[in-house]
């Protein structure tokens, strides 16, 4: 960037709240004179975001500001309490400090880069963008792969990733002779004899306590209670969280990754995505820590976890970039809107199935549920009940501490809600009560599970959408079973 005005140029880097990387490109660019960070209450007003999500972002940003200032860097920071929108905050900093050039790392979510471009153009400053380095796969390589494989499944992408990175490879072959140990990773929790380690406890410091009070005052009607905040907000705490996972839970992650328990919200899951999706950790950090411990970890657990990091997470980013049409898709024509109680917890229907009620209450408390609960309890129920995929997406974006458009759009419109007709997932992920009972023992008996609203809803779903689903080879048997169930009625 070069100055177009008289006097010494002032070149600044705008660091977004989801890009708090310890090795942000701005920190290695000698052209950058100062760093800009802008909080905006307006952004948090767009959706009823969980209070924990707001605390997470704001506290992490303020800790980032403090750390960079401690390093001797010039940091300009606009707090949300100033009342400025994001655009107003950036424009104010440019004007107030005589900024002549603005640089930033490309955003993961669509539309953000264009918005910053417009701010810079109105301010008359030159711009520069760095590549998004918060992922394992360079943007150019990712986009090229998806152009060459427009209908490729996650398994194809995952194998390419393994070959490209050399992770869990022995020459040209996968470690252990298999690409995928998914079949070994579907055990329910045993009834006794299993110890589930607790997540690390982090005591809020002065910065986080201040943010908690601000969030309670500014966003009192948003879901959750900021006083119960529980997540890491610094790089050091996030690394400690990662170490605790590797040391205490990774070994059992694989076999129990699809398990559920009514009284255990986290089980053996890492809960690293809140930190990953803000840049407090990078996927490189996670992969390195896991591989260092690989000699003490069963291969199915090692592969099952790394598949989520180097496969699924990167695949979601690629699908989001390659297929903007995913957002707004509605292949099944579903129109029902989520009721207010999904956000508030007030007036939850008495007949809501126990798995849904339990997971919903945990989401309202923590802003989190692990992946199988998202897919096979919440997503399953939303689909069986005919909720509109856009309404479901809005809810996930609002309630989950790790939810951002780049990851939620392909997960919700694709994998969870089958709104894309089968681009991301090969079939709708719906089930009756038997599967949920096998993986979570939600009901007092298998018979109660078979008689649950999930089972009734499952068969009704197949019947309602038979015309759309009948060509799907993975649904041939369930559809045949559904037809045999209704045959006596004809």
Protein backbone atom coordinates (compact mmCIF):
# COMPACT_ATOMS: atom_id res chain seq x y z
CA UNK A 1 0.00 0.00 0.00
CA UNK A 2 1.19 3.50 -0.70
CA UNK A 3 -0.06 6.81 0.58
CA UNK A 4 -2.15 9.01 -1.66
CA UNK A 5 -2.16 11.96 0.73
CA UNK A 6 0.51 14.34 1.94
CA UNK A 7 2.51 13.58 5.06
CA UNK A 8 3.74 10.27 6.42
CA UNK A 9 1.49 7.35 5.51
CA UNK A 10 -0.30 5.57 8.35
CA UNK A 11 -1.00 1.98 7.44
CA UNK A 12 -3.27 -0.02 9.70
CA UNK A 13 -4.44 -3.61 9.90
CA UNK A 14 -8.06 -4.28 10.75
CA UNK A 15 -8.31 -7.46 12.84
CA UNK A 16 -11.74 -9.02 13.01
CA UNK A 17 -13.10 -10.60 16.17
CA UNK A 18 -12.98 -14.03 14.54
CA UNK A 19 -9.34 -13.60 13.45
CA UNK A 20 -7.49 -13.30 16.77
CA UNK A 21 -4.57 -15.33 15.52
CA UNK A 22 -1.37 -15.40 17.51
CA UNK A 23 0.45 -15.33 14.16
CA UNK A 24 -1.85 -12.97 12.29
CA UNK A 25 -0.33 -11.80 8.97
CA UNK A 26 -0.43 -8.18 10.19
CA UNK A 27 2.14 -8.97 12.87
CA UNK A 28 4.76 -9.97 10.30
CA UNK A 29 4.12 -7.12 7.86
CA UNK A 30 6.65 -4.32 8.31
CA UNK A 31 4.34 -1.92 6.46
CA UNK A 32 1.77 -2.02 9.26
CA UNK A 33 1.98 0.83 11.76
CA UNK A 34 -0.99 -0.01 13.98
CA UNK A 35 -3.76 -2.49 14.61
CA UNK A 36 -7.49 -1.72 14.63
CA UNK A 37 -10.18 -3.72 16.45
CA UNK A 38 -13.83 -2.69 16.50
CA UNK A 39 -16.57 -4.08 18.74
CA UNK A 40 -20.10 -3.49 17.54
CA UNK A 41 -23.26 -3.98 19.56
CA UNK A 42 -25.15 -3.64 16.28
CA UNK A 43 -23.67 -6.93 15.07
CA UNK A 44 -24.84 -8.72 18.20
CA UNK A 45 -28.31 -7.23 17.81
CA UNK A 46 -28.83 -8.79 14.39
CA UNK A 47 -29.68 -12.13 15.96
CA UNK A 48 -30.52 -13.09 19.55
CA UNK A 49 -27.04 -14.44 20.18
CA UNK A 50 -26.43 -16.46 23.31
CA UNK A 51 -24.87 -14.29 26.01
CA UNK A 52 -21.92 -16.70 26.27
CA UNK A 53 -21.14 -16.18 22.60
CA UNK A 54 -21.08 -12.42 23.03
CA UNK A 55 -18.89 -12.68 26.13
CA UNK A 56 -16.55 -15.05 24.30
CA UNK A 57 -16.00 -12.73 21.34
CA UNK A 58 -15.74 -9.48 23.31
CA UNK A 59 -13.50 -10.84 26.05
CA UNK A 60 -11.21 -12.55 23.54
CA UNK A 61 -10.91 -9.31 21.57
CA UNK A 62 -10.04 -7.30 24.67
CA UNK A 63 -7.45 -9.80 25.80
CA UNK A 64 -5.96 -9.63 22.31
CA UNK A 65 -5.80 -5.84 22.51
CA UNK A 66 -4.10 -6.02 25.90
CA UNK A 67 -1.55 -8.57 24.76
CA UNK A 68 -0.57 -6.64 21.63
CA UNK A 69 -0.21 -3.44 23.62
CA UNK A 70 1.97 -5.26 26.13
CA UNK A 71 4.19 -6.19 23.18
CA UNK A 72 4.59 -2.52 22.39
CA UNK A 73 2.27 -2.34 19.41
CA UNK A 74 -0.04 0.56 18.71
CA UNK A 75 -3.59 -0.75 18.96
CA UNK A 76 -6.73 1.30 18.31
CA UNK A 77 -9.81 -0.22 19.89
CA UNK A 78 -13.47 0.80 19.71
CA UNK A 79 -15.58 -0.84 22.46
CA UNK A 80 -19.22 -1.66 21.80
CA UNK A 81 -20.19 0.73 24.59
CA UNK A 82 -19.28 3.62 22.25
CA UNK A 83 -22.50 2.85 20.39
CA UNK A 84 -20.90 2.80 16.94
CA UNK A 85 -21.71 0.25 14.28
CA UNK A 86 -18.85 -1.73 12.76
CA UNK A 87 -18.71 0.57 9.73
CA UNK A 88 -18.86 3.68 11.90
CA UNK A 89 -16.15 2.34 14.18
CA UNK A 90 -13.72 1.56 11.36
CA UNK A 91 -14.43 4.90 9.66
CA UNK A 92 -13.91 6.71 12.97
CA UNK A 93 -10.49 5.11 13.51
CA UNK A 94 -9.40 5.87 9.94
CA UNK A 95 -10.42 9.51 10.29
CA UNK A 96 -9.25 10.03 13.87
CA UNK A 97 -5.77 8.60 13.35
CA UNK A 98 -5.04 9.68 9.81
CA UNK A 99 -5.00 6.19 8.35
CA UNK A 100 -4.00 6.20 4.68
CA UNK A 101 -3.92 2.46 4.00
CA UNK A 102 -6.04 -0.38 5.38
CA UNK A 103 -5.16 -4.07 5.29
CA UNK A 104 -7.01 -7.10 6.59
CA UNK A 105 -7.05 -10.87 6.36
CA UNK A 106 -9.79 -12.12 4.09
CA UNK A 107 -12.90 -13.06 6.03
CA UNK A 108 -14.33 -16.57 6.10
CA UNK A 109 -17.93 -15.35 5.88
CA UNK A 110 -19.33 -13.98 2.63
CA UNK A 111 -19.96 -10.27 2.34
CA UNK A 112 -17.51 -9.09 5.00
CA UNK A 113 -14.70 -8.26 2.58
CA UNK A 114 -17.06 -6.26 0.36
CA UNK A 115 -18.27 -4.33 3.38
CA UNK A 116 -14.74 -3.39 4.41
CA UNK A 117 -13.94 -2.43 0.82
CA UNK A 118 -16.89 -0.02 0.86
CA UNK A 119 -15.75 1.51 4.16
CA UNK A 120 -12.25 2.03 2.78
CA UNK A 121 -13.53 3.48 -0.48
CA UNK A 122 -15.69 6.02 1.33
CA UNK A 123 -12.69 6.97 3.48
CA UNK A 124 -10.43 7.30 0.45
CA UNK A 125 -7.76 4.86 1.68
CA UNK A 126 -5.91 2.20 -0.23
CA UNK A 127 -6.45 -1.44 0.67
CA UNK A 128 -4.61 -4.73 0.85
CA UNK A 129 -5.87 -8.19 1.74
CA UNK A 130 -3.97 -11.12 3.14
CA UNK A 131 -5.04 -14.70 2.52
CA UNK A 132 -7.14 -16.36 5.21
CA UNK A 133 -4.61 -18.44 7.16
CA UNK A 134 -6.97 -19.73 9.85
CA UNK A 135 -7.32 -23.09 8.07
CA UNK A 136 -5.07 -25.92 6.95
CA UNK A 137 -5.89 -25.69 3.26
CA UNK A 138 -4.75 -22.62 1.28
CA UNK A 139 -7.69 -20.91 -0.40
CA UNK A 140 -6.30 -21.39 -3.92
CA UNK A 141 -5.82 -25.13 -3.47
CA UNK A 142 -9.20 -25.54 -1.76
CA UNK A 143 -11.12 -23.69 -4.47
CA UNK A 144 -9.30 -25.56 -7.24
CA UNK A 145 -10.13 -28.93 -5.68
CA UNK A 146 -13.81 -28.10 -5.40
CA UNK A 147 -13.90 -26.82 -8.98
CA UNK A 148 -12.44 -30.12 -10.13
CA UNK A 149 -14.76 -32.18 -7.89
CA UNK A 150 -18.14 -30.39 -7.95
CA UNK A 151 -20.06 -33.41 -6.60
CA UNK A 152 -17.36 -34.94 -4.42
CA UNK A 153 -18.25 -36.25 -0.99
CA UNK A 154 -16.46 -35.56 2.25
CA UNK A 155 -14.70 -38.94 2.13
CA UNK A 156 -13.07 -38.00 -1.20
CA UNK A 157 -11.96 -34.67 0.20
CA UNK A 158 -10.67 -36.28 3.38
CA UNK A 159 -8.49 -38.73 1.50
CA UNK A 160 -7.10 -35.89 -0.58
CA UNK A 161 -6.31 -34.02 2.62
CA UNK A 162 -4.51 -37.01 4.09
CA UNK A 163 -2.45 -37.41 0.92
CA UNK A 164 -1.81 -33.68 0.60
CA UNK A 165 -0.65 -33.21 4.21
CA UNK A 166 0.87 -36.62 4.90
CA UNK A 167 -1.10 -36.81 8.15
CA UNK A 168 -1.65 -40.42 9.28
CA UNK A 169 0.02 -41.72 6.13
CA UNK A 170 2.59 -44.47 5.67
CA UNK A 171 4.01 -43.63 2.28
CA UNK A 172 1.08 -43.68 -0.12
CA UNK A 173 -1.11 -45.76 2.20
CA UNK A 174 -3.20 -44.73 5.20
CA UNK A 175 -1.81 -45.55 8.63
CA UNK A 176 -3.12 -48.92 9.79
CA UNK A 177 -4.27 -49.80 6.28
CA UNK A 178 -7.66 -48.07 6.51
CA UNK A 179 -8.74 -44.55 5.65
CA UNK A 180 -11.66 -44.52 8.01
CA UNK A 181 -12.31 -46.14 11.40
CA UNK A 182 -15.85 -44.83 11.65
CA UNK A 183 -17.27 -48.33 12.14
CA UNK A 184 -15.18 -48.67 15.32
CA UNK A 185 -16.37 -45.35 16.72
CA UNK A 186 -20.04 -45.97 17.40
CA UNK A 187 -20.15 -47.38 20.91
CA UNK A 188 -22.69 -46.18 23.48
CA UNK A 189 -21.41 -45.42 26.94
CA UNK A 190 -21.27 -48.48 29.22
CA UNK A 191 -23.76 -48.39 32.06
CA UNK A 192 -20.98 -48.47 34.67
CA UNK A 193 -17.24 -48.26 34.99
CA UNK A 194 -16.54 -45.23 32.80
CA UNK A 195 -15.02 -42.01 34.14
CA UNK A 196 -15.68 -38.88 32.14
CA UNK A 197 -13.10 -36.15 32.85
CA UNK A 198 -14.38 -32.68 33.56
CA UNK A 199 -13.56 -29.77 31.28
CA UNK A 200 -10.93 -27.37 32.61
CA UNK A 201 -12.31 -24.71 34.90
CA UNK A 202 -11.35 -21.15 34.01
CA UNK A 203 -11.94 -18.40 36.53
CA UNK A 204 -12.95 -15.16 34.77
CA UNK A 205 -10.36 -12.41 35.17
CA UNK A 206 -11.05 -8.68 35.46
CA UNK A 207 -11.49 -8.22 31.71
CA UNK A 208 -13.95 -11.08 31.40
CA UNK A 209 -15.86 -10.02 34.51
CA UNK A 210 -16.28 -6.54 33.03
CA UNK A 211 -17.53 -7.98 29.76
CA UNK A 212 -19.97 -10.23 31.61
CA UNK A 213 -21.52 -7.21 33.33
CA UNK A 214 -21.71 -5.26 30.07
CA UNK A 215 -23.41 -8.16 28.28
CA UNK A 216 -25.94 -8.63 31.06
CA UNK A 217 -26.76 -4.91 30.90
CA UNK A 218 -26.72 -4.46 27.12
CA UNK A 219 -28.24 -7.81 26.02
CA UNK A 220 -30.52 -8.84 28.92
CA UNK A 221 -33.10 -10.54 26.71
CA UNK A 222 -30.63 -12.73 24.84
CA UNK A 223 -30.54 -16.45 25.72
CA UNK A 224 -28.27 -17.69 28.49
CA UNK A 225 -26.79 -16.13 31.59
CA UNK A 226 -23.43 -14.42 31.09
CA UNK A 227 -22.52 -15.12 34.74
CA UNK A 228 -22.16 -18.82 33.88
CA UNK A 229 -19.53 -18.18 31.22
CA UNK A 230 -17.11 -21.13 30.96
CA UNK A 231 -14.83 -20.86 27.90
CA UNK A 232 -11.17 -19.92 27.29
CA UNK A 233 -10.64 -16.40 25.95
CA UNK A 234 -6.83 -16.25 25.62
CA UNK A 235 -4.30 -18.19 23.59
CA UNK A 236 -2.71 -19.58 26.75
CA UNK A 237 -6.02 -20.81 28.18
CA UNK A 238 -7.01 -22.29 24.83
CA UNK A 239 -3.73 -24.20 24.66
CA UNK A 240 -4.29 -25.49 28.19
CA UNK A 241 -7.79 -26.60 27.12
CA UNK A 242 -6.22 -28.43 24.16
CA UNK A 243 -3.62 -30.13 26.38
CA UNK A 244 -6.30 -31.28 28.80
CA UNK A 245 -8.27 -32.83 25.94
CA UNK A 246 -5.26 -34.64 24.53
CA UNK A 247 -4.19 -35.91 27.95
CA UNK A 248 -7.57 -36.83 29.40
CA UNK A 249 -10.21 -37.43 26.72
CA UNK A 250 -8.67 -38.07 23.30
CA UNK A 251 -8.00 -41.74 24.01
CA UNK A 252 -11.71 -42.47 24.47
CA UNK A 253 -12.99 -39.91 21.99
CA UNK A 254 -13.19 -42.28 19.03
CA UNK A 255 -15.25 -45.14 20.35
CA UNK A 256 -17.66 -42.80 22.17
CA UNK A 257 -17.82 -39.91 19.68
CA UNK A 258 -21.43 -40.77 18.73
CA UNK A 259 -22.54 -41.59 22.27
CA UNK A 260 -25.02 -39.46 24.20
CA UNK A 261 -25.92 -39.21 27.86
CA UNK A 262 -28.74 -37.32 29.51
CA UNK A 263 -26.53 -36.24 32.41
CA UNK A 264 -23.27 -35.54 30.52
CA UNK A 265 -23.20 -32.63 28.05
CA UNK A 266 -19.54 -32.91 26.93
CA UNK A 267 -18.48 -36.56 27.30
CA UNK A 268 -15.10 -37.05 25.57
CA UNK A 269 -15.47 -34.20 23.07
CA UNK A 270 -12.76 -31.56 22.80
CA UNK A 271 -14.98 -28.42 22.77
CA UNK A 272 -12.18 -26.72 20.83
CA UNK A 273 -14.29 -25.18 18.07
CA UNK A 274 -15.15 -22.00 20.03
CA UNK A 275 -11.42 -21.25 20.29
CA UNK A 276 -10.63 -22.49 16.78
CA UNK A 277 -13.32 -20.36 15.17
CA UNK A 278 -11.96 -17.21 16.84
CA UNK A 279 -8.31 -17.91 16.07
CA UNK A 280 -7.28 -18.57 19.68
CA UNK A 281 -6.14 -21.92 18.34
CA UNK A 282 -5.29 -22.91 14.79
CA UNK A 283 -5.88 -26.31 13.21
CA UNK A 284 -2.10 -26.61 13.00
CA UNK A 285 -1.94 -26.25 16.81
CA UNK A 286 -4.52 -28.97 17.24
CA UNK A 287 -3.04 -31.40 14.73
CA UNK A 288 0.47 -30.98 16.15
CA UNK A 289 -0.69 -31.58 19.73
CA UNK A 290 -2.67 -34.67 18.75
CA UNK A 291 0.10 -36.18 16.65
CA UNK A 292 2.62 -35.66 19.45
CA UNK A 293 0.45 -37.87 21.64
CA UNK A 294 -0.31 -40.39 18.91
CA UNK A 295 1.79 -43.18 20.40
CA UNK A 296 -0.48 -43.32 23.44
CA UNK A 297 -3.80 -43.01 21.60
CA UNK A 298 -5.72 -45.84 19.87
CA UNK A 299 -5.66 -45.33 16.10
CA UNK A 300 -9.49 -45.25 15.78
CA UNK A 301 -9.61 -42.33 18.25
CA UNK A 302 -6.71 -40.58 16.57
CA UNK A 303 -8.18 -40.95 13.10
CA UNK A 304 -11.73 -40.17 14.24
CA UNK A 305 -10.69 -36.90 15.82
CA UNK A 306 -8.31 -35.78 13.07
CA UNK A 307 -11.04 -36.52 10.51
CA UNK A 308 -13.09 -33.78 12.16
CA UNK A 309 -10.21 -31.27 12.01
CA UNK A 310 -8.49 -31.93 8.69
CA UNK A 311 -11.54 -33.37 6.96
CA UNK A 312 -14.95 -32.17 8.07
CA UNK A 313 -14.05 -28.63 9.17
CA UNK A 314 -12.10 -27.92 6.00
CA UNK A 315 -14.75 -29.60 3.84
CA UNK A 316 -17.43 -27.34 5.29
CA UNK A 317 -15.34 -24.30 4.44
CA UNK A 318 -14.84 -25.58 0.90
CA UNK A 319 -18.53 -26.30 0.36
CA UNK A 320 -19.42 -22.84 1.66
CA UNK A 321 -17.00 -21.20 -0.77
CA UNK A 322 -17.88 -23.38 -3.75
CA UNK A 323 -21.66 -23.47 -3.34
CA UNK A 324 -23.22 -20.16 -2.28
CA UNK A 325 -26.54 -21.58 -3.43
CA UNK A 326 -26.59 -23.74 -0.28
CA UNK A 327 -27.76 -20.74 1.73
CA UNK A 328 -31.51 -20.55 1.33
CA UNK A 329 -31.92 -24.04 -0.16
CA UNK A 330 -35.17 -25.82 0.71
CA UNK A 331 -35.46 -29.02 -1.33
CA UNK A 332 -38.26 -30.40 0.84
CA UNK A 333 -40.28 -27.17 0.84
CA UNK A 334 -40.49 -26.89 4.64
CA UNK A 335 -42.09 -23.73 6.03
CA UNK A 336 -42.64 -24.00 9.78
CA UNK A 337 -40.87 -21.33 11.87
CA UNK A 338 -39.23 -22.13 15.19
CA UNK A 339 -41.35 -20.96 18.11
CA UNK A 340 -40.00 -18.36 20.59
CA UNK A 341 -39.47 -20.98 23.31
CA UNK A 342 -36.57 -22.42 21.33
CA UNK A 343 -34.73 -19.20 22.20
CA UNK A 344 -36.10 -18.37 25.64
CA UNK A 345 -36.79 -21.76 27.20
CA UNK A 346 -40.09 -20.36 28.43
CA UNK A 347 -43.16 -22.43 27.68
CA UNK A 348 -41.39 -25.52 26.34
CA UNK A 349 -44.21 -27.94 25.47
CA UNK A 350 -44.75 -30.73 27.97
CA UNK A 351 -44.82 -33.31 25.18
CA UNK A 352 -41.43 -32.38 23.74
CA UNK A 353 -39.45 -35.66 23.62
CA UNK A 354 -36.96 -36.04 26.45
CA UNK A 355 -33.85 -36.04 24.22
CA UNK A 356 -34.89 -32.75 22.62
CA UNK A 357 -35.86 -31.15 25.90
CA UNK A 358 -32.62 -32.22 27.57
CA UNK A 359 -30.34 -31.03 24.78
CA UNK A 360 -32.28 -27.79 24.36
CA UNK A 361 -31.95 -27.00 28.06
CA UNK A 362 -28.20 -27.64 27.84
CA UNK A 363 -27.89 -25.40 24.78
CA UNK A 364 -29.74 -22.63 26.57
CA UNK A 365 -27.36 -23.05 29.52
CA UNK A 366 -24.01 -23.51 27.74
CA UNK A 367 -24.51 -22.37 24.14
CA UNK A 368 -23.19 -25.76 23.10
CA UNK A 369 -24.07 -29.36 22.28
CA UNK A 370 -21.73 -31.92 20.76
CA UNK A 371 -21.98 -32.93 17.12
CA UNK A 372 -24.16 -36.03 17.40
CA UNK A 373 -26.68 -34.18 19.56
CA UNK A 374 -26.78 -31.38 17.00
CA UNK A 375 -27.34 -33.79 14.15
CA UNK A 376 -29.36 -36.69 15.55
CA UNK A 377 -31.36 -35.01 18.31
CA UNK A 378 -31.88 -31.39 17.29
CA UNK A 379 -31.42 -31.57 13.52
CA UNK A 380 -33.35 -34.83 13.36
CA UNK A 381 -36.28 -33.35 15.29
CA UNK A 382 -36.32 -30.12 13.26
CA UNK A 383 -36.51 -32.16 10.06
CA UNK A 384 -39.18 -34.55 11.33
CA UNK A 385 -41.28 -31.60 12.50
CA UNK A 386 -41.01 -29.73 9.20
CA UNK A 387 -39.17 -26.62 10.37
CA UNK A 388 -37.89 -24.35 7.61
CA UNK A 389 -34.13 -24.76 7.10
CA UNK A 390 -33.56 -20.99 7.18
CA UNK A 391 -35.29 -20.81 10.56
CA UNK A 392 -33.17 -23.70 11.83
CA UNK A 393 -30.00 -22.03 10.56
CA UNK A 394 -30.91 -18.79 12.30
CA UNK A 395 -31.38 -20.67 15.57
CA UNK A 396 -28.03 -22.46 15.37
CA UNK A 397 -26.24 -19.22 14.49
CA UNK A 398 -27.85 -17.52 17.47
CA UNK A 399 -27.53 -20.18 20.16
CA UNK A 400 -24.17 -21.84 19.58
CA UNK A 401 -20.91 -20.32 20.78
CA UNK A 402 -18.97 -21.74 17.81
CA UNK A 403 -21.47 -20.96 15.04
CA UNK A 404 -20.62 -18.73 12.08
CA UNK A 405 -22.09 -18.72 8.55
CA UNK A 406 -19.11 -20.42 6.84
CA UNK A 407 -19.58 -23.53 8.96
CA UNK A 408 -23.31 -23.47 9.73
CA UNK A 409 -24.68 -22.94 6.21
CA UNK A 410 -23.29 -26.23 4.79
CA UNK A 411 -23.89 -28.05 8.06
CA UNK A 412 -27.51 -26.96 8.44
CA UNK A 413 -28.77 -26.55 4.87
CA UNK A 414 -26.73 -29.55 3.77
CA UNK A 415 -25.85 -32.20 6.32
CA UNK A 416 -28.53 -31.62 8.95
CA UNK A 417 -31.64 -30.49 7.10
CA UNK A 418 -31.15 -32.03 3.63
CA UNK A 419 -32.27 -28.71 2.18
CA UNK A 420 -29.75 -29.09 -0.65
CA UNK A 421 -31.34 -32.35 -1.82
CA UNK A 422 -28.21 -34.39 -1.14
CA UNK A 423 -25.17 -32.33 -2.07
CA UNK A 424 -23.44 -32.40 1.33
CA UNK A 425 -25.03 -35.48 2.85
CA UNK A 426 -26.11 -38.50 0.84
CA UNK A 427 -29.40 -38.90 2.71
CA UNK A 428 -31.54 -37.14 5.32
CA UNK A 429 -30.15 -37.79 8.80
CA UNK A 430 -33.41 -38.81 10.41
CA UNK A 431 -34.12 -41.67 12.76
CA UNK A 432 -36.73 -43.05 15.07
CA UNK A 433 -36.34 -43.58 18.78
CA UNK A 434 -34.48 -46.89 18.49
CA UNK A 435 -31.22 -45.28 17.34
CA UNK A 436 -31.40 -42.57 20.00
CA UNK A 437 -32.07 -45.17 22.67
CA UNK A 438 -29.17 -47.32 21.55
CA UNK A 439 -26.73 -44.39 21.67
CA UNK A 440 -28.15 -42.57 24.68
CA UNK A 441 -30.69 -44.57 26.72
CA UNK A 442 -33.05 -41.60 26.81
CA UNK A 443 -36.23 -43.58 27.58
CA UNK A 444 -36.85 -46.13 30.35
CA UNK A 445 -37.05 -48.98 27.82
CA UNK A 446 -36.52 -49.88 24.17
CA UNK A 447 -40.26 -50.26 23.82
CA UNK A 448 -40.81 -46.71 25.08
CA UNK A 449 -38.31 -45.51 22.48
CA UNK A 450 -40.16 -47.35 19.71
CA UNK A 451 -43.41 -45.72 20.81
CA UNK A 452 -41.89 -42.23 21.03
CA UNK A 453 -42.73 -39.21 18.90
CA UNK A 454 -39.38 -39.69 17.14
CA UNK A 455 -40.44 -43.06 15.77
CA UNK A 456 -43.87 -41.83 14.70
CA UNK A 457 -42.30 -38.74 13.16
CA UNK A 458 -39.72 -40.84 11.29
CA UNK A 459 -42.31 -42.89 9.43
CA UNK A 460 -44.46 -39.82 8.78
CA UNK A 461 -41.42 -38.01 7.35
CA UNK A 462 -40.68 -40.82 4.90
CA UNK A 463 -44.30 -40.91 3.79
CA UNK A 464 -44.62 -37.12 3.37
CA UNK A 465 -41.45 -36.88 1.29
CA UNK A 466 -41.62 -40.21 -0.51
CA UNK A 467 -41.67 -38.61 -3.95
CA UNK A 468 -38.43 -36.71 -3.31
CA UNK A 469 -36.64 -39.53 -1.52
CA UNK A 470 -37.62 -42.61 -3.54
CA UNK A 471 -34.62 -42.42 -5.87
CA UNK A 472 -32.11 -42.41 -3.03
CA UNK A 473 -30.40 -45.83 -2.82
CA UNK A 474 -29.58 -45.36 0.87
CA UNK A 475 -33.29 -45.04 1.63
CA UNK A 476 -34.53 -47.98 -0.40
CA UNK A 477 -34.95 -50.25 2.64
CA UNK A 478 -36.56 -47.64 4.97
CA UNK A 479 -38.99 -46.62 2.22
CA UNK A 480 -39.89 -50.27 1.60
CA UNK A 481 -40.51 -50.72 5.33
CA UNK A 482 -42.63 -47.58 5.40
CA UNK A 483 -44.75 -48.86 2.50
CA UNK A 484 -45.27 -52.21 4.17
CA UNK A 485 -46.43 -50.45 7.34
CA UNK A 486 -49.12 -48.54 5.48
CA UNK A 487 -50.17 -51.38 3.14
CA UNK A 488 -53.04 -52.65 5.34
CA UNK A 489 -54.56 -49.19 5.27
CA UNK A 490 -55.19 -49.40 1.51
